[in-house]
Amino acid sequence: MSRLRLIDIGCKAGLASEGYDAAGFEVVGVDREPQRNYPYEFIQADLRDLDPQWIAENFVAAAGSPPCWRYSRLHFRTGREYEDFIPETRALFEASGLPYVIENVEGAPLKDPLVLCGTQFPGRLRVRRHRLFESNVPLSAPMPHPQGKHPLHFTHDRRKAHYGLLDEWTAFVSVNGGGNCSRAAALDAMGVRDRPLTKDELNQGVPPAYTEHIGRQLMAHLAGNAPAAALETPTAVPLFEEIPMPQPPGIPLGAPASWPRVIIDRAGSQCECTGGCGATHSRTAGRCPRRHGGWANRREVRLILAPRKPLTPLAQAVALPDAELMATCEECLKGAEKLARPPAA
């Protein structure tokens, strides 16, 4: 296996899965309903039919988004009783013994959850979208929640004082069943790559930036707690990924000591790839132009400390000297590792 595998139960159209994929996982989605727009490997199954031993044997981490109807506004509007799948999801994950994350809406009975808000991802998201995350792994937010009121949201409601003053492409929007903005603007505000999603699928999803942030912390936990056998397995996962919570002078929280020496001092905060990813970078003198903290493809660039030789086993990589490490962006790292993998038989 070239990437660490994560199972995402209750995956729906895969917005959460998209974030875990961006964090470096090979994601397998599970949902009891068919999901024609799910972009990764998919298994149609009910979580109550899954065997925790099977999960433990085939994955290194588990994520779940149990149906949230019981704790959403829908419950209060309809007065209907909805089944609660959170206890069953938690029991399944605990029985597997794997690191896990359970996501749900505000008001859901999650244990000591981390709360994420779109305002904690400035420049990447334009949604408020509070979501809770329970885990048996310590989690942190990318930054403290901004103080004061949330930003005004674009609206079609003529009764609102700010009606007509905001643009759906620059202002915060409400991605819900109310039709607050266009589908295209909702995709952009949620930070979702452009793919054939319905507005309802967007309504049910979480911004991939949330689960990318969570996934990076899962990766850091796995790298620090992997058994010797796992460390000897070549992996396409970035080895020293930053947890995107900057601390002066711009060194990521949790970064190894070699991160500033290689990324800032030697690389000048610019990706050091000179074609190993398969791209010529001909427009920028043969070197990737992406810089740490810059923007590319509507995403903030965060450079990663990785071995110059792709697919180096983790046990060897953690002991490499600076000269054998490089500053790389995610796109160049994935390209180099794809070229390094042997062709399928």
C-alpha atoms as a PDB file:
ATOM      1  CA  MET A   1       0.000   0.000   0.000  1.00  0.00           C
ATOM      2  CA  SER A   2       1.406   3.335  -1.030  1.00  0.00           C
ATOM      3  CA  ARG A   3      -0.746   5.630   1.093  1.00  0.00           C
ATOM      4  CA  LEU A   4      -2.161   5.219   4.568  1.00  0.00           C
ATOM      5  CA  ARG A   5      -5.800   4.158   4.314  1.00  0.00           C
ATOM      6  CA  LEU A   6      -8.655   5.876   6.152  1.00  0.00           C
ATOM      7  CA  ILE A   7     -12.273   4.723   6.193  1.00  0.00           C
ATOM      8  CA  ASP A   8     -14.894   7.483   6.035  1.00  0.00           C
ATOM      9  CA  ILE A   9     -18.289   6.206   7.220  1.00  0.00           C
ATOM     10  CA  GLY A  10     -21.338   8.266   6.342  1.00  0.00           C
ATOM     11  CA  CYS A  11     -19.332   9.796   3.521  1.00  0.00           C
ATOM     12  CA  LYS A  12     -22.217  11.106   1.375  1.00  0.00           C
ATOM     13  CA  ALA A  13     -20.749  12.933  -1.650  1.00  0.00           C
ATOM     14  CA  GLY A  14     -17.266  13.016  -0.154  1.00  0.00           C
ATOM     15  CA  LEU A  15     -16.604  16.581   0.988  1.00  0.00           C
ATOM     16  CA  ALA A  16     -15.017  15.353   4.226  1.00  0.00           C
ATOM     17  CA  SER A  17     -13.193  12.650   2.257  1.00  0.00           C
ATOM     18  CA  GLU A  18     -11.763  15.337  -0.023  1.00  0.00           C
ATOM     19  CA  GLY A  19     -10.077  16.933   2.982  1.00  0.00           C
ATOM     20  CA  TYR A  20      -8.651  13.662   4.272  1.00  0.00           C
ATOM     21  CA  ASP A  21      -7.333  12.957   0.778  1.00  0.00           C
ATOM     22  CA  ALA A  22      -5.629  16.369   0.730  1.00  0.00           C
ATOM     23  CA  ALA A  23      -4.022  15.487   4.078  1.00  0.00           C
ATOM     24  CA  GLY A  24      -2.400  12.461   2.431  1.00  0.00           C
ATOM     25  CA  PHE A  25      -4.757   9.559   3.132  1.00  0.00           C
ATOM     26  CA  GLU A  26      -6.106   7.016   0.678  1.00  0.00           C
ATOM     27  CA  VAL A  27      -9.804   7.308   1.509  1.00  0.00           C
ATOM     28  CA  VAL A  28     -12.481   4.629   1.227  1.00  0.00           C
ATOM     29  CA  GLY A  29     -16.024   5.900   1.671  1.00  0.00           C
ATOM     30  CA  VAL A  30     -18.922   3.978   3.176  1.00  0.00           C
ATOM     31  CA  ASP A  31     -22.561   5.004   3.087  1.00  0.00           C
ATOM     32  CA  ARG A  32     -25.831   3.099   3.299  1.00  0.00           C
ATOM     33  CA  GLU A  33     -27.139   5.005   0.277  1.00  0.00           C
ATOM     34  CA  PRO A  34     -25.580   4.980  -3.214  1.00  0.00           C
ATOM     35  CA  GLN A  35     -23.390   8.042  -3.828  1.00  0.00           C
ATOM     36  CA  ARG A  36     -22.968   8.590  -7.560  1.00  0.00           C
ATOM     37  CA  ASN A  37     -20.841  11.708  -7.049  1.00  0.00           C
ATOM     38  CA  TYR A  38     -18.430  10.181  -4.533  1.00  0.00           C
ATOM     39  CA  PRO A  39     -14.924  10.576  -6.052  1.00  0.00           C
ATOM     40  CA  TYR A  40     -13.016   7.773  -4.269  1.00  0.00           C
ATOM     41  CA  GLU A  41     -13.346   4.032  -3.642  1.00  0.00           C
ATOM     42  CA  PHE A  42     -16.852   3.446  -2.311  1.00  0.00           C
ATOM     43  CA  ILE A  43     -18.629   0.683  -0.384  1.00  0.00           C
ATOM     44  CA  GLN A  44     -22.406   0.760   0.038  1.00  0.00           C
ATOM     45  CA  ALA A  45     -23.094  -0.608   3.508  1.00  0.00           C
ATOM     46  CA  ASP A  46     -24.799   0.195   6.810  1.00  0.00           C
ATOM     47  CA  LEU A  47     -22.377   1.014   9.621  1.00  0.00           C
ATOM     48  CA  ARG A  48     -24.203  -1.547  11.799  1.00  0.00           C
ATOM     49  CA  ASP A  49     -23.083  -4.274   9.403  1.00  0.00           C
ATOM     50  CA  LEU A  50     -19.393  -3.373   9.568  1.00  0.00           C
ATOM     51  CA  ASP A  51     -16.920  -5.539  11.478  1.00  0.00           C
ATOM     52  CA  PRO A  52     -14.471  -3.572  13.667  1.00  0.00           C
ATOM     53  CA  GLN A  53     -11.825  -6.250  13.109  1.00  0.00           C
ATOM     54  CA  TRP A  54     -12.135  -5.785   9.346  1.00  0.00           C
ATOM     55  CA  ILE A  55     -11.698  -2.029   9.818  1.00  0.00           C
ATOM     56  CA  ALA A  56      -8.623  -2.570  12.027  1.00  0.00           C
ATOM     57  CA  GLU A  57      -7.033  -4.922   9.494  1.00  0.00           C
ATOM     58  CA  ASN A  58      -7.583  -2.714   6.445  1.00  0.00           C
ATOM     59  CA  PHE A  59      -7.196   0.871   7.689  1.00  0.00           C
ATOM     60  CA  VAL A  60      -4.981   2.952   9.959  1.00  0.00           C
ATOM     61  CA  ALA A  61      -7.629   5.513  10.943  1.00  0.00           C
ATOM     62  CA  ALA A  62     -11.400   5.932  10.900  1.00  0.00           C
ATOM     63  CA  ALA A  63     -13.667   8.919  10.353  1.00  0.00           C
ATOM     64  CA  GLY A  64     -17.412   9.120  10.589  1.00  0.00           C
ATOM     65  CA  SER A  65     -20.214  11.607   9.980  1.00  0.00           C
ATOM     66  CA  PRO A  66     -23.327   9.943  11.414  1.00  0.00           C
ATOM     67  CA  PRO A  67     -26.643  11.402  10.183  1.00  0.00           C
ATOM     68  CA  CYS A  68     -27.187  14.630  12.084  1.00  0.00           C
ATOM     69  CA  TRP A  69     -30.964  15.032  11.694  1.00  0.00           C
ATOM     70  CA  ARG A  70     -31.720  14.375  15.353  1.00  0.00           C
ATOM     71  CA  TYR A  71     -29.578  17.327  16.454  1.00  0.00           C
ATOM     72  CA  SER A  72     -30.176  19.666  13.518  1.00  0.00           C
ATOM     73  CA  ARG A  73     -32.777  22.368  13.030  1.00  0.00           C
ATOM     74  CA  LEU A  74     -34.743  19.875  10.937  1.00  0.00           C
ATOM     75  CA  HIS A  75     -35.699  18.004  14.113  1.00  0.00           C
ATOM     76  CA  PHE A  76     -37.112  21.144  15.695  1.00  0.00           C
ATOM     77  CA  ARG A  77     -38.937  22.224  12.528  1.00  0.00           C
ATOM     78  CA  THR A  78     -40.625  18.887  11.843  1.00  0.00           C
ATOM     79  CA  GLY A  79     -41.069  17.606  15.402  1.00  0.00           C
ATOM     80  CA  ARG A  80     -40.146  14.126  14.129  1.00  0.00           C
ATOM     81  CA  GLU A  81     -37.935  11.724  16.050  1.00  0.00           C
ATOM     82  CA  TYR A  82     -34.795  10.699  14.193  1.00  0.00           C
ATOM     83  CA  GLU A  83     -32.516   7.777  14.973  1.00  0.00           C
ATOM     84  CA  ASP A  84     -29.224   8.594  16.714  1.00  0.00           C
ATOM     85  CA  PHE A  85     -26.237   6.837  15.112  1.00  0.00           C
ATOM     86  CA  ILE A  86     -23.520   8.568  17.145  1.00  0.00           C
ATOM     87  CA  PRO A  87     -23.297   5.916  19.937  1.00  0.00           C
ATOM     88  CA  GLU A  88     -23.063   3.109  17.358  1.00  0.00           C
ATOM     89  CA  THR A  89     -20.386   4.954  15.388  1.00  0.00           C
ATOM     90  CA  ARG A  90     -18.347   5.580  18.535  1.00  0.00           C
ATOM     91  CA  ALA A  91     -18.705   1.950  19.672  1.00  0.00           C
ATOM     92  CA  LEU A  92     -17.581   0.692  16.244  1.00  0.00           C
ATOM     93  CA  PHE A  93     -14.526   2.925  16.208  1.00  0.00           C
ATOM     94  CA  GLU A  94     -13.551   2.157  19.797  1.00  0.00           C
ATOM     95  CA  ALA A  95     -13.828  -1.579  19.085  1.00  0.00           C
ATOM     96  CA  SER A  96     -11.487  -1.176  16.106  1.00  0.00           C
ATOM     97  CA  GLY A  97      -8.792   0.320  18.338  1.00  0.00           C
ATOM     98  CA  LEU A  98      -7.849   2.858  15.639  1.00  0.00           C
ATOM     99  CA  PRO A  99      -7.407   6.612  15.903  1.00  0.00           C
ATOM    100  CA  TYR A 100     -10.807   8.032  14.991  1.00  0.00           C
ATOM    101  CA  VAL A 101     -12.731  11.238  14.341  1.00  0.00           C
ATOM    102  CA  ILE A 102     -16.501  11.706  14.564  1.00  0.00           C
ATOM    103  CA  GLU A 103     -18.008  14.842  13.007  1.00  0.00           C
ATOM    104  CA  ASN A 104     -21.441  16.300  13.682  1.00  0.00           C
ATOM    105  CA  VAL A 105     -23.463  19.485  14.115  1.00  0.00           C
ATOM    106  CA  GLU A 106     -23.662  21.794  17.088  1.00  0.00           C
ATOM    107  CA  GLY A 107     -25.799  20.269  19.820  1.00  0.00           C
ATOM    108  CA  ALA A 108     -24.765  16.687  19.050  1.00  0.00           C
ATOM    109  CA  PRO A 109     -23.578  14.746  22.130  1.00  0.00           C
ATOM    110  CA  LEU A 110     -19.931  14.350  21.158  1.00  0.00           C
ATOM    111  CA  LYS A 111     -17.294  13.851  23.838  1.00  0.00           C
ATOM    112  CA  ASP A 112     -15.066  16.893  24.473  1.00  0.00           C
ATOM    113  CA  PRO A 113     -15.346  18.005  20.844  1.00  0.00           C
ATOM    114  CA  LEU A 114     -13.221  20.482  18.940  1.00  0.00           C
ATOM    115  CA  VAL A 115     -15.392  23.172  17.316  1.00  0.00           C
ATOM    116  CA  LEU A 116     -14.327  24.485  13.919  1.00  0.00           C
ATOM    117  CA  CYS A 117     -15.699  27.561  12.141  1.00  0.00           C
ATOM    118  CA  GLY A 118     -14.999  28.881   8.670  1.00  0.00           C
ATOM    119  CA  THR A 119     -13.683  32.121  10.161  1.00  0.00           C
ATOM    120  CA  GLN A 120     -10.699  30.122  11.453  1.00  0.00           C
ATOM    121  CA  PHE A 121      -9.619  29.522   7.838  1.00  0.00           C
ATOM    122  CA  PRO A 122      -9.216  33.098   6.538  1.00  0.00           C
ATOM    123  CA  GLY A 123      -8.641  33.335   2.813  1.00  0.00           C
ATOM    124  CA  ARG A 124      -9.796  29.752   2.240  1.00  0.00           C
ATOM    125  CA  LEU A 125     -13.447  29.730   3.361  1.00  0.00           C
ATOM    126  CA  ARG A 126     -16.412  32.071   3.239  1.00  0.00           C
ATOM    127  CA  VAL A 127     -18.828  30.066   5.381  1.00  0.00           C
ATOM    128  CA  ARG A 128     -19.454  29.994   9.129  1.00  0.00           C
ATOM    129  CA  ARG A 129     -20.449  26.309   9.226  1.00  0.00           C
ATOM    130  CA  HIS A 130     -19.770  25.376  12.860  1.00  0.00           C
ATOM    131  CA  ARG A 131     -18.995  21.660  13.176  1.00  0.00           C
ATOM    132  CA  LEU A 132     -17.950  19.464  16.108  1.00  0.00           C
ATOM    133  CA  PHE A 133     -15.156  16.876  15.988  1.00  0.00           C
ATOM    134  CA  GLU A 134     -14.684  14.159  18.611  1.00  0.00           C
ATOM    135  CA  SER A 135     -11.474  12.139  18.596  1.00  0.00           C
ATOM    136  CA  ASN A 136      -9.328   9.843  20.685  1.00  0.00           C
ATOM    137  CA  VAL A 137      -6.354  11.854  19.334  1.00  0.00           C
ATOM    138  CA  PRO A 138      -5.603  15.372  20.648  1.00  0.00           C
ATOM    139  CA  LEU A 139      -6.883  17.957  18.164  1.00  0.00           C
ATOM    140  CA  SER A 140      -6.425  21.704  17.926  1.00  0.00           C
ATOM    141  CA  ALA A 141      -7.924  24.481  15.813  1.00  0.00           C
ATOM    142  CA  PRO A 142      -5.827  26.302  13.189  1.00  0.00           C
ATOM    143  CA  MET A 143      -6.292  29.541  15.122  1.00  0.00           C
ATOM    144  CA  PRO A 144      -8.475  30.874  17.947  1.00  0.00           C
ATOM    145  CA  HIS A 145     -12.042  31.705  17.012  1.00  0.00           C
ATOM    146  CA  PRO A 146     -12.169  35.408  16.038  1.00  0.00           C
ATOM    147  CA  GLN A 147     -13.795  37.592  18.664  1.00  0.00           C
ATOM    148  CA  GLY A 148     -16.972  39.556  18.005  1.00  0.00           C
ATOM    149  CA  LYS A 149     -19.782  38.966  15.560  1.00  0.00           C
ATOM    150  CA  HIS A 150     -19.525  36.736  12.507  1.00  0.00           C
ATOM    151  CA  PRO A 151     -19.241  38.486   9.126  1.00  0.00           C
ATOM    152  CA  LEU A 152     -22.424  39.529   7.376  1.00  0.00           C
ATOM    153  CA  HIS A 153     -23.629  36.926   4.882  1.00  0.00           C
ATOM    154  CA  PHE A 154     -24.800  37.486   1.326  1.00  0.00           C
ATOM    155  CA  THR A 155     -28.588  37.355   1.191  1.00  0.00           C
ATOM    156  CA  HIS A 156     -31.538  37.456  -1.214  1.00  0.00           C
ATOM    157  CA  ASP A 157     -33.803  38.548   1.636  1.00  0.00           C
ATOM    158  CA  ARG A 158     -34.976  42.105   0.952  1.00  0.00           C
ATOM    159  CA  ARG A 159     -35.904  42.486   4.623  1.00  0.00           C
ATOM    160  CA  LYS A 160     -32.266  42.419   5.681  1.00  0.00           C
ATOM    161  CA  ALA A 161     -30.563  45.798   6.136  1.00  0.00           C
ATOM    162  CA  HIS A 162     -27.536  44.679   4.115  1.00  0.00           C
ATOM    163  CA  TYR A 163     -29.580  43.323   1.170  1.00  0.00           C
ATOM    164  CA  GLY A 164     -27.896  44.286  -2.110  1.00  0.00           C
ATOM    165  CA  LEU A 165     -24.668  45.415  -0.452  1.00  0.00           C
ATOM    166  CA  LEU A 166     -22.715  42.148  -0.703  1.00  0.00           C
ATOM    167  CA  ASP A 167     -21.523  39.968  -3.558  1.00  0.00           C
ATOM    168  CA  GLU A 168     -21.896  36.176  -3.349  1.00  0.00           C
ATOM    169  CA  TRP A 169     -18.375  35.740  -4.783  1.00  0.00           C
ATOM    170  CA  THR A 170     -16.588  37.763  -2.116  1.00  0.00           C
ATOM    171  CA  ALA A 171     -18.835  37.774   0.968  1.00  0.00           C
ATOM    172  CA  PHE A 172     -19.619  34.958   3.382  1.00  0.00           C
ATOM    173  CA  VAL A 173     -22.601  32.845   2.293  1.00  0.00           C
ATOM    174  CA  SER A 174     -24.980  30.428   3.991  1.00  0.00           C
ATOM    175  CA  VAL A 175     -24.763  26.997   2.399  1.00  0.00           C
ATOM    176  CA  ASN A 176     -28.038  25.466   3.476  1.00  0.00           C
ATOM    177  CA  GLY A 177     -31.460  24.560   2.152  1.00  0.00           C
ATOM    178  CA  GLY A 178     -32.523  28.180   1.910  1.00  0.00           C
ATOM    179  CA  GLY A 179     -31.003  28.868  -1.500  1.00  0.00           C
ATOM    180  CA  ASN A 180     -28.919  31.705  -0.116  1.00  0.00           C
ATOM    181  CA  CYS A 181     -26.465  31.680  -3.005  1.00  0.00           C
ATOM    182  CA  SER A 182     -25.790  29.949  -6.312  1.00  0.00           C
ATOM    183  CA  ARG A 183     -24.330  26.464  -6.433  1.00  0.00           C
ATOM    184  CA  ALA A 184     -21.126  27.769  -8.040  1.00  0.00           C
ATOM    185  CA  ALA A 185     -20.642  30.397  -5.325  1.00  0.00           C
ATOM    186  CA  ALA A 186     -21.327  27.761  -2.660  1.00  0.00           C
ATOM    187  CA  LEU A 187     -18.598  25.529  -4.112  1.00  0.00           C
ATOM    188  CA  ASP A 188     -16.153  28.417  -4.004  1.00  0.00           C
ATOM    189  CA  ALA A 189     -17.141  29.532  -0.489  1.00  0.00           C
ATOM    190  CA  MET A 190     -16.821  25.967   0.851  1.00  0.00           C
ATOM    191  CA  GLY A 191     -13.427  25.484  -0.780  1.00  0.00           C
ATOM    192  CA  VAL A 192     -14.652  22.466  -2.747  1.00  0.00           C
ATOM    193  CA  ARG A 193     -13.032  21.579  -6.037  1.00  0.00           C
ATOM    194  CA  ASP A 194     -15.375  21.962  -8.983  1.00  0.00           C
ATOM    195  CA  ARG A 195     -17.128  18.646  -9.529  1.00  0.00           C
ATOM    196  CA  PRO A 196     -20.753  17.675 -10.282  1.00  0.00           C
ATOM    197  CA  LEU A 197     -22.256  18.126  -6.822  1.00  0.00           C
ATOM    198  CA  THR A 198     -25.874  19.022  -6.213  1.00  0.00           C
ATOM    199  CA  LYS A 199     -26.831  21.860  -3.876  1.00  0.00           C
ATOM    200  CA  ASP A 200     -28.274  19.259  -1.491  1.00  0.00           C
ATOM    201  CA  GLU A 201     -24.936  17.410  -1.394  1.00  0.00           C
ATOM    202  CA  LEU A 202     -23.218  20.690  -0.535  1.00  0.00           C
ATOM    203  CA  ASN A 203     -25.817  21.356   2.166  1.00  0.00           C
ATOM    204  CA  GLN A 204     -24.950  18.051   3.855  1.00  0.00           C
ATOM    205  CA  GLY A 205     -21.172  18.406   3.629  1.00  0.00           C
ATOM    206  CA  VAL A 206     -18.399  20.040   5.623  1.00  0.00           C
ATOM    207  CA  PRO A 207     -15.689  22.216   4.094  1.00  0.00           C
ATOM    208  CA  PRO A 208     -12.771  19.978   3.051  1.00  0.00           C
ATOM    209  CA  ALA A 209     -10.439  22.460   4.777  1.00  0.00           C
ATOM    210  CA  TYR A 210     -11.818  21.233   8.131  1.00  0.00           C
ATOM    211  CA  THR A 211     -10.966  17.589   7.532  1.00  0.00           C
ATOM    212  CA  GLU A 212      -7.673  18.431   5.839  1.00  0.00           C
ATOM    213  CA  HIS A 213      -6.690  20.221   9.042  1.00  0.00           C
ATOM    214  CA  ILE A 214      -7.925  17.287  11.158  1.00  0.00           C
ATOM    215  CA  GLY A 215      -6.276  14.791   8.813  1.00  0.00           C
ATOM    216  CA  ARG A 216      -2.882  16.440   9.132  1.00  0.00           C
ATOM    217  CA  GLN A 217      -3.083  16.015  12.883  1.00  0.00           C
ATOM    218  CA  LEU A 218      -4.046  12.353  12.454  1.00  0.00           C
ATOM    219  CA  MET A 219      -1.000  11.958  10.199  1.00  0.00           C
ATOM    220  CA  ALA A 220       1.261  13.549  12.793  1.00  0.00           C
ATOM    221  CA  HIS A 221      -0.157  11.215  15.446  1.00  0.00           C
ATOM    222  CA  LEU A 222       0.356   8.147  13.245  1.00  0.00           C
ATOM    223  CA  ALA A 223       3.927   9.159  12.399  1.00  0.00           C
ATOM    224  CA  GLY A 224       4.715   9.504  16.092  1.00  0.00           C
ATOM    225  CA  ASN A 225       3.044   6.258  17.150  1.00  0.00           C
ATOM    226  CA  ALA A 226       3.596   3.913  14.210  1.00  0.00           C
ATOM    227  CA  PRO A 227       4.946   0.413  15.002  1.00  0.00           C
ATOM    228  CA  ALA A 228       8.345  -0.504  13.606  1.00  0.00           C
ATOM    229  CA  ALA A 229       6.850  -2.667  10.833  1.00  0.00           C
ATOM    230  CA  ALA A 230       4.702   0.225   9.606  1.00  0.00           C
ATOM    231  CA  LEU A 231       7.673   2.592   9.657  1.00  0.00           C
ATOM    232  CA  GLU A 232       9.556   0.304   7.274  1.00  0.00           C
ATOM    233  CA  THR A 233       6.744   0.463   4.708  1.00  0.00           C
ATOM    234  CA  PRO A 234       7.364   3.040   1.966  1.00  0.00           C
ATOM    235  CA  THR A 235       4.606   5.597   2.117  1.00  0.00           C
ATOM    236  CA  ALA A 236       3.523   8.398  -0.170  1.00  0.00           C
ATOM    237  CA  VAL A 237       2.406  10.474   2.808  1.00  0.00           C
ATOM    238  CA  PRO A 238       4.345  13.698   3.480  1.00  0.00           C
ATOM    239  CA  LEU A 239       6.630  13.027   6.415  1.00  0.00           C
ATOM    240  CA  PHE A 240       6.811  16.301   8.268  1.00  0.00           C
ATOM    241  CA  GLU A 241       3.566  18.098   7.561  1.00  0.00           C
ATOM    242  CA  GLU A 242       2.944  21.337   9.324  1.00  0.00           C
ATOM    243  CA  ILE A 243      -0.136  21.837  11.415  1.00  0.00           C
ATOM    244  CA  PRO A 244      -1.297  25.144   9.895  1.00  0.00           C
ATOM    245  CA  MET A 245      -1.244  27.284  13.040  1.00  0.00           C
ATOM    246  CA  PRO A 246       1.487  29.845  12.432  1.00  0.00           C
ATOM    247  CA  GLN A 247       3.655  31.064  15.269  1.00  0.00           C
ATOM    248  CA  PRO A 248       6.261  33.855  14.989  1.00  0.00           C
ATOM    249  CA  PRO A 249       8.280  34.099  12.832  1.00  0.00           C
ATOM    250  CA  GLY A 250       6.048  31.985  10.576  1.00  0.00           C
ATOM    251  CA  ILE A 251       7.315  28.581  11.713  1.00  0.00           C
ATOM    252  CA  PRO A 252       4.389  26.116  11.910  1.00  0.00           C
ATOM    253  CA  LEU A 253       3.392  24.794  15.297  1.00  0.00           C
ATOM    254  CA  GLY A 254       4.611  21.220  15.640  1.00  0.00           C
ATOM    255  CA  ALA A 255       7.237  21.534  12.916  1.00  0.00           C
ATOM    256  CA  PRO A 256      10.532  19.665  13.454  1.00  0.00           C
ATOM    257  CA  ALA A 257      13.708  21.629  14.199  1.00  0.00           C
ATOM    258  CA  SER A 258      14.925  21.181  10.629  1.00  0.00           C
ATOM    259  CA  TRP A 259      11.800  22.860   9.164  1.00  0.00           C
ATOM    260  CA  PRO A 260      13.050  26.478   9.493  1.00  0.00           C
ATOM    261  CA  ARG A 261      16.592  25.541   8.427  1.00  0.00           C
ATOM    262  CA  VAL A 262      15.459  23.887   5.205  1.00  0.00           C
ATOM    263  CA  ILE A 263      12.220  25.693   4.321  1.00  0.00           C
ATOM    264  CA  ILE A 264      13.052  29.249   5.399  1.00  0.00           C
ATOM    265  CA  ASP A 265      16.847  29.571   5.430  1.00  0.00           C
ATOM    266  CA  ARG A 266      17.879  27.362   2.523  1.00  0.00           C
ATOM    267  CA  ALA A 267      14.789  27.314   0.286  1.00  0.00           C
ATOM    268  CA  GLY A 268      13.735  30.881   0.982  1.00  0.00           C
ATOM    269  CA  SER A 269      10.170  29.623   1.618  1.00  0.00           C
ATOM    270  CA  GLN A 270       9.904  28.442  -2.017  1.00  0.00           C
ATOM    271  CA  CYS A 271       9.311  24.893  -3.235  1.00  0.00           C
ATOM    272  CA  GLU A 272      12.651  23.317  -4.210  1.00  0.00           C
ATOM    273  CA  CYS A 273      11.275  21.017  -6.908  1.00  0.00           C
ATOM    274  CA  THR A 274      13.177  21.405 -10.181  1.00  0.00           C
ATOM    275  CA  GLY A 275      11.277  18.879 -12.257  1.00  0.00           C
ATOM    276  CA  GLY A 276      11.227  15.726 -10.150  1.00  0.00           C
ATOM    277  CA  CYS A 277       7.430  15.923 -10.115  1.00  0.00           C
ATOM    278  CA  GLY A 278       7.254  15.586 -13.894  1.00  0.00           C
ATOM    279  CA  ALA A 279       6.577  19.283 -14.562  1.00  0.00           C
ATOM    280  CA  THR A 280       9.248  21.363 -16.300  1.00  0.00           C
ATOM    281  CA  HIS A 281       8.440  24.632 -14.472  1.00  0.00           C
ATOM    282  CA  SER A 282       9.724  26.288 -17.648  1.00  0.00           C
ATOM    283  CA  ARG A 283       8.037  29.623 -16.935  1.00  0.00           C
ATOM    284  CA  THR A 284       9.960  30.037 -13.673  1.00  0.00           C
ATOM    285  CA  ALA A 285      13.500  29.040 -14.685  1.00  0.00           C
ATOM    286  CA  GLY A 286      12.945  25.346 -13.971  1.00  0.00           C
ATOM    287  CA  ARG A 287      11.919  25.678 -10.319  1.00  0.00           C
ATOM    288  CA  CYS A 288       8.420  25.417  -8.892  1.00  0.00           C
ATOM    289  CA  PRO A 289       7.190  28.955  -8.109  1.00  0.00           C
ATOM    290  CA  ARG A 290       4.934  28.061  -5.165  1.00  0.00           C
ATOM    291  CA  ARG A 291       5.871  29.812  -1.943  1.00  0.00           C
ATOM    292  CA  HIS A 292       4.881  29.041   1.639  1.00  0.00           C
ATOM    293  CA  GLY A 293       1.880  31.163   2.588  1.00  0.00           C
ATOM    294  CA  GLY A 294       1.099  32.045  -1.045  1.00  0.00           C
ATOM    295  CA  TRP A 295      -1.899  30.924  -3.076  1.00  0.00           C
ATOM    296  CA  ALA A 296      -2.325  28.446  -5.916  1.00  0.00           C
ATOM    297  CA  ASN A 297      -5.514  26.929  -7.306  1.00  0.00           C
ATOM    298  CA  ARG A 298      -7.577  28.783  -4.670  1.00  0.00           C
ATOM    299  CA  ARG A 299      -5.647  27.113  -1.840  1.00  0.00           C
ATOM    300  CA  GLU A 300      -3.002  28.416   0.504  1.00  0.00           C
ATOM    301  CA  VAL A 301       0.419  26.892  -0.201  1.00  0.00           C
ATOM    302  CA  ARG A 302       1.976  25.143   2.784  1.00  0.00           C
ATOM    303  CA  LEU A 303       5.401  23.724   2.148  1.00  0.00           C
ATOM    304  CA  ILE A 304       6.263  20.280   3.465  1.00  0.00           C
ATOM    305  CA  LEU A 305       9.588  18.898   4.632  1.00  0.00           C
ATOM    306  CA  ALA A 306      10.147  15.632   2.736  1.00  0.00           C
ATOM    307  CA  PRO A 307      13.003  13.340   1.640  1.00  0.00           C
ATOM    308  CA  ARG A 308      14.636  14.127  -1.696  1.00  0.00           C
ATOM    309  CA  LYS A 309      14.219  10.456  -2.570  1.00  0.00           C
ATOM    310  CA  PRO A 310      10.478   9.785  -2.916  1.00  0.00           C
ATOM    311  CA  LEU A 311       8.868   6.912  -1.003  1.00  0.00           C
ATOM    312  CA  THR A 312      11.671   6.731   1.560  1.00  0.00           C
ATOM    313  CA  PRO A 313      10.510   4.569   4.510  1.00  0.00           C
ATOM    314  CA  LEU A 314       9.495   6.694   7.463  1.00  0.00           C
ATOM    315  CA  ALA A 315      11.982   5.027   9.826  1.00  0.00           C
ATOM    316  CA  GLN A 316      14.825   6.186   7.548  1.00  0.00           C
ATOM    317  CA  ALA A 317      13.352   9.579   6.718  1.00  0.00           C
ATOM    318  CA  VAL A 318      13.130  10.821  10.292  1.00  0.00           C
ATOM    319  CA  ALA A 319      16.923  10.426  10.628  1.00  0.00           C
ATOM    320  CA  LEU A 320      17.930  12.140   7.374  1.00  0.00           C
ATOM    321  CA  PRO A 321      20.253  15.162   7.455  1.00  0.00           C
ATOM    322  CA  ASP A 322      19.099  18.492   6.048  1.00  0.00           C
ATOM    323  CA  ALA A 323      20.960  17.901   2.775  1.00  0.00           C
ATOM    324  CA  GLU A 324      18.760  14.917   2.005  1.00  0.00           C
ATOM    325  CA  LEU A 325      15.538  16.775   2.794  1.00  0.00           C
ATOM    326  CA  MET A 326      13.747  19.284   0.601  1.00  0.00           C
ATOM    327  CA  ALA A 327      11.033  21.896   0.818  1.00  0.00           C
ATOM    328  CA  THR A 328       8.176  20.852  -1.435  1.00  0.00           C
ATOM    329  CA  CYS A 329       4.583  21.777  -2.110  1.00  0.00           C
ATOM    330  CA  GLU A 330       1.903  19.068  -2.023  1.00  0.00           C
ATOM    331  CA  GLU A 331       1.464  19.032  -5.808  1.00  0.00           C
ATOM    332  CA  CYS A 332       5.162  18.447  -6.505  1.00  0.00           C
ATOM    333  CA  LEU A 333       5.420  15.843  -3.759  1.00  0.00           C
ATOM    334  CA  LYS A 334       2.477  13.859  -5.142  1.00  0.00           C
ATOM    335  CA  GLY A 335       3.877  14.116  -8.669  1.00  0.00           C
ATOM    336  CA  ALA A 336       7.319  12.879  -7.623  1.00  0.00           C
ATOM    337  CA  GLU A 337       5.879   9.972  -5.670  1.00  0.00           C
ATOM    338  CA  LYS A 338       3.619   8.995  -8.556  1.00  0.00           C
ATOM    339  CA  LEU A 339       6.644   8.826 -10.880  1.00  0.00           C
ATOM    340  CA  ALA A 340       8.625   6.832  -8.275  1.00  0.00           C
ATOM    341  CA  ARG A 341       6.033   4.116  -7.856  1.00  0.00           C
ATOM    342  CA  PRO A 342       6.666   0.966  -9.899  1.00  0.00           C
ATOM    343  CA  PRO A 343       4.148   0.398 -12.697  1.00  0.00           C
ATOM    344  CA  ALA A 344       1.232  -1.845 -11.817  1.00  0.00           C
ATOM    345  CA  ALA A 345       1.686  -5.427 -12.893  1.00  0.00           C
END
